[in-house]
Amino acid sequence: MKTLIPPGGWIVLAAVAAFVGFITSRPAYCFHKDDTAQLAVSFKHTTPRIHECPESEMKSYLAGRDNRPRHMQNAKAECGSRERHPLALRITVDGRVLTEKEIQASGWRHDTSIFVLEQHMLPVGRHTVTVEAGEKGAAGGYAFNISREINFGPRDVVAINFKKPDFLVFE
């Protein structure tokens, strides 16, 4: 019976397999340098609506809705604008402001949740990290904040998440 691999082919196949094994076990590329770490602030937040309907406006809306043809009636009663307040975000590390911005709600009418992803590379060591967030216009200022001293090791990724009313830090 003849084999498909010629008599020295096993050596070539073994050499190729050893080479692939060596390359994949010792990657030459690393995303982070040895002397840096990453701070990632990531969360989803829904701010309150800019215009909440008072009782009288809701009654007039419902009365007008009933006069429409059935296929044009909205099952979910919403009057006024569905637009939501923007979110103010400030990230400070060791007293230096890295991010300070106002984030508008997504969606065609600015009526859905706000998605935040901020990533910053920091030198290795202990840093005082402050993250502040607030619903612009609703409460004003920064209603939610955290300030914590975090030890960043080489190539560490520290994630900060927000679930109202607290920030969560994953070291």
N, C-alpha and C. Protein backbone atom coordinates (compact mmCIF):
# COMPACT_ATOMS: atom_id res chain seq x y z
N MET A 1 0.83 -1.18 0.00
CA MET A 1 0.00 0.00 0.00
C MET A 1 0.88 1.25 0.00
N LYS A 2 0.54 2.18 -0.89
CA LYS A 2 1.32 3.41 -1.01
C LYS A 2 0.73 4.49 -0.10
N THR A 3 1.60 5.29 0.50
CA THR A 3 1.14 6.43 1.31
C THR A 3 1.21 7.70 0.47
N LEU A 4 0.45 8.68 0.86
CA LEU A 4 0.42 9.95 0.14
C LEU A 4 1.61 10.85 0.47
N ILE A 5 2.24 10.60 1.61
CA ILE A 5 3.39 11.41 2.01
C ILE A 5 4.66 10.68 1.63
N PRO A 6 5.55 11.37 0.88
CA PRO A 6 6.80 10.71 0.47
C PRO A 6 7.71 10.44 1.65
N PRO A 7 8.74 9.59 1.47
CA PRO A 7 9.60 9.21 2.58
C PRO A 7 10.28 10.37 3.28
N GLY A 8 10.57 11.37 3.25
CA GLY A 8 11.12 12.47 4.07
C GLY A 8 10.07 13.51 4.39
N GLY A 9 8.84 13.28 3.98
CA GLY A 9 7.77 14.26 4.20
C GLY A 9 7.37 14.41 5.65
N TRP A 10 7.49 13.32 6.41
CA TRP A 10 7.15 13.40 7.83
C TRP A 10 8.05 14.38 8.57
N ILE A 11 9.27 14.45 8.17
CA ILE A 11 10.22 15.38 8.80
C ILE A 11 9.81 16.82 8.50
N VAL A 12 9.41 17.08 7.25
CA VAL A 12 8.98 18.43 6.87
C VAL A 12 7.71 18.81 7.63
N LEU A 13 6.74 17.89 7.70
CA LEU A 13 5.51 18.17 8.43
C LEU A 13 5.78 18.43 9.92
N ALA A 14 6.68 17.65 10.52
CA ALA A 14 7.01 17.84 11.93
C ALA A 14 7.70 19.19 12.13
N ALA A 15 8.57 19.59 11.21
CA ALA A 15 9.25 20.88 11.33
C ALA A 15 8.26 22.04 11.22
N VAL A 16 7.31 21.94 10.28
CA VAL A 16 6.29 23.00 10.13
C VAL A 16 5.43 23.07 11.39
N ALA A 17 5.01 21.93 11.93
CA ALA A 17 4.20 21.92 13.15
C ALA A 17 4.97 22.51 14.33
N ALA A 18 6.23 22.20 14.46
CA ALA A 18 7.05 22.74 15.55
C ALA A 18 7.21 24.26 15.40
N PHE A 19 7.39 24.73 14.17
CA PHE A 19 7.52 26.16 13.91
C PHE A 19 6.22 26.90 14.28
N VAL A 20 5.08 26.37 13.87
CA VAL A 20 3.79 26.98 14.21
C VAL A 20 3.58 26.98 15.72
N GLY A 21 3.92 25.90 16.38
CA GLY A 21 3.79 25.83 17.83
C GLY A 21 4.67 26.85 18.53
N PHE A 22 5.89 27.06 18.04
CA PHE A 22 6.80 28.04 18.63
C PHE A 22 6.27 29.46 18.45
N ILE A 23 5.80 29.78 17.24
CA ILE A 23 5.31 31.14 16.94
C ILE A 23 4.07 31.47 17.78
N THR A 24 3.14 30.55 17.92
CA THR A 24 1.91 30.84 18.64
C THR A 24 2.08 30.84 20.16
N SER A 25 3.11 30.21 20.69
CA SER A 25 3.31 30.20 22.14
C SER A 25 4.11 31.41 22.62
N ARG A 26 4.76 32.13 21.73
CA ARG A 26 5.55 33.28 22.11
C ARG A 26 5.21 34.46 21.20
N PRO A 27 4.06 35.09 21.40
CA PRO A 27 3.70 36.20 20.52
C PRO A 27 4.68 37.38 20.67
N ALA A 28 5.05 37.97 19.58
CA ALA A 28 5.99 39.08 19.59
C ALA A 28 5.30 40.41 19.80
N TYR A 29 3.97 40.46 19.61
CA TYR A 29 3.24 41.72 19.71
C TYR A 29 2.38 41.73 20.95
N CYS A 30 2.49 42.76 21.76
CA CYS A 30 1.62 42.97 22.91
C CYS A 30 0.98 44.34 22.76
N PHE A 31 -0.31 44.41 23.05
CA PHE A 31 -1.04 45.66 22.87
C PHE A 31 -0.52 46.76 23.78
N HIS A 32 -0.29 46.43 25.05
CA HIS A 32 0.19 47.42 26.02
C HIS A 32 1.70 47.29 26.19
N LYS A 33 2.34 48.43 26.40
CA LYS A 33 3.76 48.42 26.72
C LYS A 33 3.93 47.96 28.17
N ASP A 34 5.14 47.56 28.54
CA ASP A 34 5.40 47.07 29.89
C ASP A 34 5.18 48.14 30.96
N ASP A 35 5.35 49.40 30.60
CA ASP A 35 5.28 50.47 31.60
C ASP A 35 3.95 51.23 31.56
N THR A 36 2.91 50.67 30.93
CA THR A 36 1.62 51.35 30.87
C THR A 36 0.49 50.43 31.34
N ALA A 37 -0.60 51.07 31.70
CA ALA A 37 -1.83 50.37 32.08
C ALA A 37 -2.98 51.14 31.45
N GLN A 38 -4.16 50.55 31.46
CA GLN A 38 -5.31 51.18 30.82
C GLN A 38 -6.45 51.39 31.83
N LEU A 39 -7.04 52.57 31.77
CA LEU A 39 -8.25 52.88 32.53
C LEU A 39 -9.39 52.92 31.53
N ALA A 40 -10.41 52.11 31.75
CA ALA A 40 -11.57 52.06 30.86
C ALA A 40 -12.83 52.39 31.66
N VAL A 41 -13.52 53.44 31.23
CA VAL A 41 -14.80 53.82 31.84
C VAL A 41 -15.88 53.46 30.82
N SER A 42 -16.74 52.53 31.19
CA SER A 42 -17.72 52.02 30.24
C SER A 42 -19.04 51.77 30.95
N PHE A 43 -20.12 52.38 30.42
CA PHE A 43 -21.44 52.14 30.98
C PHE A 43 -22.54 52.60 30.03
N LYS A 44 -23.75 52.18 30.35
CA LYS A 44 -24.96 52.59 29.63
C LYS A 44 -25.87 53.24 30.66
N HIS A 45 -26.42 54.41 30.32
CA HIS A 45 -27.25 55.14 31.28
C HIS A 45 -28.40 55.81 30.54
N THR A 46 -29.59 55.75 31.12
CA THR A 46 -30.76 56.41 30.54
C THR A 46 -31.11 57.60 31.41
N THR A 47 -31.01 58.78 30.84
CA THR A 47 -31.33 60.01 31.57
C THR A 47 -32.83 60.26 31.52
N PRO A 48 -33.36 61.12 32.40
CA PRO A 48 -34.80 61.40 32.37
C PRO A 48 -35.19 62.25 31.16
N ARG A 49 -36.46 62.21 30.82
CA ARG A 49 -36.96 63.00 29.69
C ARG A 49 -36.93 64.48 30.04
N ILE A 50 -36.73 65.30 29.03
CA ILE A 50 -36.70 66.75 29.23
C ILE A 50 -38.09 67.27 29.59
N HIS A 51 -39.10 66.77 28.90
CA HIS A 51 -40.46 67.24 29.13
C HIS A 51 -41.34 66.08 29.60
N GLU A 52 -41.68 66.10 30.87
CA GLU A 52 -42.63 65.12 31.41
C GLU A 52 -44.03 65.70 31.30
N CYS A 53 -44.98 64.92 30.89
CA CYS A 53 -46.34 65.40 30.67
C CYS A 53 -47.09 65.61 31.99
N PRO A 54 -47.67 66.80 32.18
CA PRO A 54 -48.55 66.97 33.34
C PRO A 54 -49.88 66.27 33.09
N GLU A 55 -50.65 66.08 34.14
CA GLU A 55 -51.91 65.34 34.05
C GLU A 55 -52.87 65.93 33.01
N SER A 56 -52.99 67.27 32.98
CA SER A 56 -53.93 67.91 32.05
C SER A 56 -53.51 67.67 30.59
N GLU A 57 -52.21 67.76 30.32
CA GLU A 57 -51.72 67.53 28.96
C GLU A 57 -51.93 66.07 28.54
N MET A 58 -51.75 65.15 29.48
CA MET A 58 -51.93 63.74 29.18
C MET A 58 -53.39 63.45 28.83
N LYS A 59 -54.33 64.06 29.55
CA LYS A 59 -55.76 63.86 29.27
C LYS A 59 -56.12 64.36 27.87
N SER A 60 -55.63 65.53 27.49
CA SER A 60 -55.93 66.07 26.16
C SER A 60 -55.28 65.21 25.08
N TYR A 61 -54.12 64.68 25.36
CA TYR A 61 -53.44 63.80 24.39
C TYR A 61 -54.25 62.52 24.18
N LEU A 62 -54.69 61.93 25.27
CA LEU A 62 -55.47 60.69 25.17
C LEU A 62 -56.81 60.92 24.46
N ALA A 63 -57.44 62.07 24.70
CA ALA A 63 -58.71 62.38 24.02
C ALA A 63 -58.48 62.53 22.52
N GLY A 64 -57.41 63.19 22.12
CA GLY A 64 -57.10 63.35 20.69
C GLY A 64 -56.72 62.04 20.05
N ARG A 65 -56.07 61.17 20.80
CA ARG A 65 -55.66 59.87 20.26
C ARG A 65 -56.87 59.01 19.93
N ASP A 66 -57.92 59.09 20.74
CA ASP A 66 -59.11 58.27 20.52
C ASP A 66 -59.87 58.67 19.27
N ASN A 67 -59.67 59.89 18.78
CA ASN A 67 -60.35 60.35 17.57
C ASN A 67 -59.67 59.87 16.29
N ARG A 68 -58.48 59.33 16.41
CA ARG A 68 -57.75 58.86 15.24
C ARG A 68 -58.22 57.47 14.83
N PRO A 69 -57.96 57.10 13.57
CA PRO A 69 -58.25 55.71 13.16
C PRO A 69 -57.44 54.73 14.02
N ARG A 70 -57.95 53.53 14.18
CA ARG A 70 -57.34 52.55 15.08
C ARG A 70 -55.88 52.26 14.74
N HIS A 71 -55.53 52.19 13.46
CA HIS A 71 -54.14 51.87 13.10
C HIS A 71 -53.17 53.02 13.39
N MET A 72 -53.69 54.21 13.69
CA MET A 72 -52.84 55.36 14.00
C MET A 72 -52.76 55.64 15.50
N GLN A 73 -53.46 54.86 16.30
CA GLN A 73 -53.43 55.06 17.75
C GLN A 73 -52.20 54.39 18.32
N ASN A 74 -51.50 55.12 19.13
CA ASN A 74 -50.31 54.60 19.79
C ASN A 74 -50.73 53.92 21.09
N ALA A 75 -50.40 52.65 21.22
CA ALA A 75 -50.80 51.90 22.42
C ALA A 75 -50.12 52.46 23.66
N LYS A 76 -48.92 52.98 23.49
CA LYS A 76 -48.17 53.54 24.61
C LYS A 76 -48.41 55.05 24.61
N ALA A 77 -49.07 55.55 25.62
CA ALA A 77 -49.40 56.97 25.66
C ALA A 77 -48.17 57.80 25.99
N GLU A 78 -47.73 58.60 25.05
CA GLU A 78 -46.61 59.51 25.26
C GLU A 78 -46.97 60.85 24.66
N CYS A 79 -46.96 61.86 25.45
CA CYS A 79 -47.21 63.19 24.91
C CYS A 79 -45.93 64.00 25.02
N GLY A 80 -45.88 65.08 24.29
CA GLY A 80 -44.71 65.96 24.34
C GLY A 80 -43.49 65.32 23.69
N SER A 81 -42.35 65.86 24.00
CA SER A 81 -41.09 65.42 23.42
C SER A 81 -40.55 64.21 24.17
N ARG A 82 -39.96 63.29 23.44
CA ARG A 82 -39.32 62.13 24.08
C ARG A 82 -37.84 62.38 24.32
N GLU A 83 -37.35 63.54 23.95
CA GLU A 83 -35.93 63.86 24.07
C GLU A 83 -35.48 63.78 25.53
N ARG A 84 -34.26 63.28 25.73
CA ARG A 84 -33.73 63.09 27.08
C ARG A 84 -32.60 64.07 27.36
N HIS A 85 -32.38 64.32 28.64
CA HIS A 85 -31.29 65.21 29.06
C HIS A 85 -29.94 64.62 28.67
N PRO A 86 -28.97 65.45 28.31
CA PRO A 86 -27.61 64.96 28.06
C PRO A 86 -26.93 64.59 29.39
N LEU A 87 -25.82 63.88 29.28
CA LEU A 87 -25.06 63.45 30.45
C LEU A 87 -23.73 64.18 30.46
N ALA A 88 -23.38 64.78 31.57
CA ALA A 88 -22.08 65.42 31.73
C ALA A 88 -21.12 64.40 32.34
N LEU A 89 -19.92 64.28 31.79
CA LEU A 89 -18.94 63.30 32.26
C LEU A 89 -17.59 63.97 32.42
N ARG A 90 -16.94 63.71 33.56
CA ARG A 90 -15.58 64.22 33.78
C ARG A 90 -14.74 63.12 34.41
N ILE A 91 -13.58 62.85 33.82
CA ILE A 91 -12.64 61.86 34.33
C ILE A 91 -11.35 62.59 34.67
N THR A 92 -10.93 62.46 35.93
CA THR A 92 -9.73 63.14 36.41
C THR A 92 -8.78 62.10 37.00
N VAL A 93 -7.50 62.19 36.65
CA VAL A 93 -6.49 61.30 37.21
C VAL A 93 -5.39 62.17 37.81
N ASP A 94 -5.16 62.01 39.11
CA ASP A 94 -4.15 62.79 39.84
C ASP A 94 -4.33 64.29 39.64
N GLY A 95 -5.57 64.76 39.64
CA GLY A 95 -5.85 66.18 39.52
C GLY A 95 -5.84 66.71 38.09
N ARG A 96 -5.49 65.88 37.13
CA ARG A 96 -5.45 66.29 35.72
C ARG A 96 -6.71 65.78 35.01
N VAL A 97 -7.44 66.67 34.38
CA VAL A 97 -8.68 66.29 33.70
C VAL A 97 -8.33 65.61 32.37
N LEU A 98 -8.74 64.35 32.22
CA LEU A 98 -8.50 63.62 30.98
C LEU A 98 -9.69 63.73 30.03
N THR A 99 -10.89 63.72 30.58
CA THR A 99 -12.10 63.82 29.76
C THR A 99 -13.09 64.72 30.47
N GLU A 100 -13.64 65.67 29.73
CA GLU A 100 -14.73 66.49 30.25
C GLU A 100 -15.62 66.81 29.06
N LYS A 101 -16.79 66.17 29.04
CA LYS A 101 -17.68 66.39 27.90
C LYS A 101 -19.12 66.14 28.27
N GLU A 102 -19.98 66.61 27.38
CA GLU A 102 -21.41 66.43 27.50
C GLU A 102 -21.82 65.44 26.41
N ILE A 103 -22.51 64.37 26.80
CA ILE A 103 -22.87 63.32 25.86
C ILE A 103 -24.38 63.35 25.64
N GLN A 104 -24.77 63.51 24.40
CA GLN A 104 -26.18 63.55 24.05
C GLN A 104 -26.71 62.13 23.91
N ALA A 105 -27.97 61.93 24.27
CA ALA A 105 -28.59 60.62 24.11
C ALA A 105 -28.61 60.23 22.64
N SER A 106 -28.49 58.96 22.36
CA SER A 106 -28.48 58.51 20.97
C SER A 106 -29.90 58.38 20.46
N GLY A 107 -30.03 58.05 19.21
CA GLY A 107 -31.35 57.92 18.60
C GLY A 107 -31.69 59.14 17.76
N TRP A 108 -32.62 58.96 16.86
CA TRP A 108 -33.02 60.02 15.94
C TRP A 108 -33.55 61.24 16.70
N ARG A 109 -34.31 60.97 17.75
CA ARG A 109 -34.89 62.06 18.54
C ARG A 109 -34.16 62.26 19.87
N HIS A 110 -32.97 61.72 20.00
CA HIS A 110 -32.20 61.78 21.26
C HIS A 110 -33.04 61.23 22.41
N ASP A 111 -33.63 60.06 22.17
CA ASP A 111 -34.57 59.51 23.15
C ASP A 111 -34.18 58.14 23.68
N THR A 112 -32.99 57.67 23.36
CA THR A 112 -32.58 56.35 23.86
C THR A 112 -31.44 56.51 24.87
N SER A 113 -30.86 55.42 25.28
CA SER A 113 -29.82 55.43 26.30
C SER A 113 -28.53 56.07 25.79
N ILE A 114 -27.71 56.44 26.74
CA ILE A 114 -26.38 57.00 26.44
C ILE A 114 -25.37 55.89 26.69
N PHE A 115 -24.51 55.66 25.71
CA PHE A 115 -23.46 54.65 25.84
C PHE A 115 -22.12 55.36 25.95
N VAL A 116 -21.35 55.02 26.98
CA VAL A 116 -20.07 55.68 27.24
C VAL A 116 -18.96 54.64 27.19
N LEU A 117 -17.89 54.96 26.47
CA LEU A 117 -16.67 54.16 26.49
C LEU A 117 -15.50 55.13 26.37
N GLU A 118 -14.78 55.30 27.44
CA GLU A 118 -13.59 56.16 27.46
C GLU A 118 -12.41 55.32 27.91
N GLN A 119 -11.35 55.34 27.12
CA GLN A 119 -10.15 54.57 27.45
C GLN A 119 -8.95 55.50 27.51
N HIS A 120 -8.14 55.35 28.56
CA HIS A 120 -6.96 56.19 28.74
C HIS A 120 -5.78 55.31 29.16
N MET A 121 -4.64 55.54 28.54
CA MET A 121 -3.42 54.83 28.92
C MET A 121 -2.72 55.65 30.01
N LEU A 122 -2.31 54.96 31.08
CA LEU A 122 -1.67 55.61 32.22
C LEU A 122 -0.35 54.93 32.54
N PRO A 123 0.59 55.66 33.15
CA PRO A 123 1.82 55.00 33.59
C PRO A 123 1.54 54.08 34.78
N VAL A 124 2.36 53.08 34.94
CA VAL A 124 2.21 52.12 36.03
C VAL A 124 2.41 52.84 37.36
N GLY A 125 1.65 52.45 38.37
CA GLY A 125 1.79 53.03 39.70
C GLY A 125 0.44 53.34 40.31
N ARG A 126 0.47 54.03 41.49
CA ARG A 126 -0.76 54.40 42.17
C ARG A 126 -1.25 55.75 41.65
N HIS A 127 -2.54 55.79 41.32
CA HIS A 127 -3.15 57.02 40.81
C HIS A 127 -4.48 57.24 41.51
N THR A 128 -4.81 58.50 41.75
CA THR A 128 -6.12 58.85 42.28
C THR A 128 -7.03 59.14 41.09
N VAL A 129 -8.03 58.29 40.92
CA VAL A 129 -8.95 58.38 39.78
C VAL A 129 -10.29 58.91 40.29
N THR A 130 -10.79 59.96 39.63
CA THR A 130 -12.10 60.52 39.96
C THR A 130 -12.95 60.51 38.70
N VAL A 131 -14.14 59.90 38.81
CA VAL A 131 -15.10 59.88 37.71
C VAL A 131 -16.38 60.52 38.22
N GLU A 132 -16.85 61.53 37.47
CA GLU A 132 -18.07 62.24 37.86
C GLU A 132 -19.03 62.23 36.68
N ALA A 133 -20.30 62.00 36.98
CA ALA A 133 -21.34 62.01 35.94
C ALA A 133 -22.58 62.68 36.50
N GLY A 134 -23.29 63.38 35.63
CA GLY A 134 -24.51 64.05 36.06
C GLY A 134 -25.42 64.31 34.89
N GLU A 135 -26.70 64.33 35.16
CA GLU A 135 -27.69 64.57 34.12
C GLU A 135 -27.87 66.07 33.97
N LYS A 136 -27.33 66.61 32.88
CA LYS A 136 -27.39 68.05 32.64
C LYS A 136 -28.84 68.49 32.53
N GLY A 137 -29.20 69.53 33.24
CA GLY A 137 -30.55 70.07 33.14
C GLY A 137 -31.51 69.44 34.12
N ALA A 138 -31.38 68.16 34.39
CA ALA A 138 -32.32 67.48 35.30
C ALA A 138 -31.98 67.84 36.75
N ALA A 139 -30.79 67.47 37.18
CA ALA A 139 -30.38 67.76 38.55
C ALA A 139 -29.29 68.82 38.58
N GLY A 140 -28.57 68.97 37.47
CA GLY A 140 -27.49 69.92 37.41
C GLY A 140 -26.26 69.41 38.13
N GLY A 141 -25.10 69.78 37.66
CA GLY A 141 -23.85 69.37 38.28
C GLY A 141 -23.57 67.89 38.10
N TYR A 142 -22.70 67.37 38.96
CA TYR A 142 -22.34 65.96 38.90
C TYR A 142 -22.96 65.25 40.11
N ALA A 143 -24.07 64.59 39.89
CA ALA A 143 -24.80 63.93 40.98
C ALA A 143 -24.14 62.63 41.41
N PHE A 144 -23.42 61.98 40.49
CA PHE A 144 -22.81 60.69 40.78
C PHE A 144 -21.30 60.83 40.64
N ASN A 145 -20.54 60.38 41.65
CA ASN A 145 -19.09 60.45 41.53
C ASN A 145 -18.42 59.37 42.36
N ILE A 146 -17.19 59.10 41.98
CA ILE A 146 -16.34 58.16 42.71
C ILE A 146 -14.93 58.71 42.65
N SER A 147 -14.22 58.59 43.74
CA SER A 147 -12.82 58.97 43.79
C SER A 147 -12.10 57.88 44.57
N ARG A 148 -11.15 57.26 43.91
CA ARG A 148 -10.49 56.12 44.53
C ARG A 148 -9.03 56.09 44.11
N GLU A 149 -8.18 55.66 45.02
CA GLU A 149 -6.77 55.47 44.70
C GLU A 149 -6.62 54.02 44.22
N ILE A 150 -6.11 53.88 43.00
CA ILE A 150 -6.01 52.56 42.37
C ILE A 150 -4.55 52.30 42.01
N ASN A 151 -4.11 51.07 42.29
CA ASN A 151 -2.75 50.66 41.92
C ASN A 151 -2.80 50.00 40.53
N PHE A 152 -2.17 50.62 39.55
CA PHE A 152 -2.11 50.10 38.19
C PHE A 152 -0.80 49.35 38.00
N GLY A 153 -0.91 48.06 37.69
CA GLY A 153 0.27 47.26 37.41
C GLY A 153 0.58 47.27 35.91
N PRO A 154 1.71 46.70 35.52
CA PRO A 154 2.06 46.66 34.10
C PRO A 154 1.00 45.91 33.29
N ARG A 155 0.56 46.51 32.21
CA ARG A 155 -0.42 45.94 31.28
C ARG A 155 -1.78 45.64 31.91
N ASP A 156 -2.08 46.25 33.07
CA ASP A 156 -3.38 46.07 33.70
C ASP A 156 -4.45 46.87 32.96
N VAL A 157 -5.66 46.37 33.02
CA VAL A 157 -6.82 47.11 32.52
C VAL A 157 -7.79 47.21 33.70
N VAL A 158 -8.06 48.44 34.14
CA VAL A 158 -9.00 48.68 35.22
C VAL A 158 -10.26 49.25 34.61
N ALA A 159 -11.38 48.58 34.83
CA ALA A 159 -12.65 49.00 34.26
C ALA A 159 -13.51 49.63 35.34
N ILE A 160 -14.12 50.75 35.00
CA ILE A 160 -15.07 51.42 35.89
C ILE A 160 -16.41 51.43 35.19
N ASN A 161 -17.41 50.87 35.87
CA ASN A 161 -18.76 50.77 35.33
C ASN A 161 -19.69 51.59 36.22
N PHE A 162 -20.84 51.96 35.72
CA PHE A 162 -21.80 52.75 36.48
C PHE A 162 -23.15 52.08 36.44
N LYS A 163 -23.69 51.81 37.61
CA LYS A 163 -25.05 51.30 37.73
C LYS A 163 -25.69 52.14 38.82
N LYS A 164 -26.61 53.01 38.40
CA LYS A 164 -27.19 54.00 39.29
C LYS A 164 -27.59 53.38 40.61
N PRO A 165 -27.20 53.89 41.73
CA PRO A 165 -26.54 55.16 42.00
C PRO A 165 -25.04 55.06 42.23
N ASP A 166 -24.41 53.91 41.97
CA ASP A 166 -23.00 53.73 42.33
C ASP A 166 -22.14 53.40 41.12
N PHE A 167 -20.85 53.71 41.26
CA PHE A 167 -19.85 53.28 40.30
C PHE A 167 -19.26 51.96 40.80
N LEU A 168 -18.92 51.09 39.88
CA LEU A 168 -18.29 49.81 40.22
C LEU A 168 -16.90 49.80 39.62
N VAL A 169 -15.90 49.42 40.40
CA VAL A 169 -14.51 49.39 39.93
C VAL A 169 -14.07 47.93 39.88
N PHE A 170 -13.59 47.51 38.71
CA PHE A 170 -13.09 46.15 38.53
C PHE A 170 -11.59 46.22 38.34
N GLU A 171 -10.85 45.85 39.40
CA GLU A 171 -9.39 45.92 39.33
C GLU A 171 -8.82 44.58 38.95
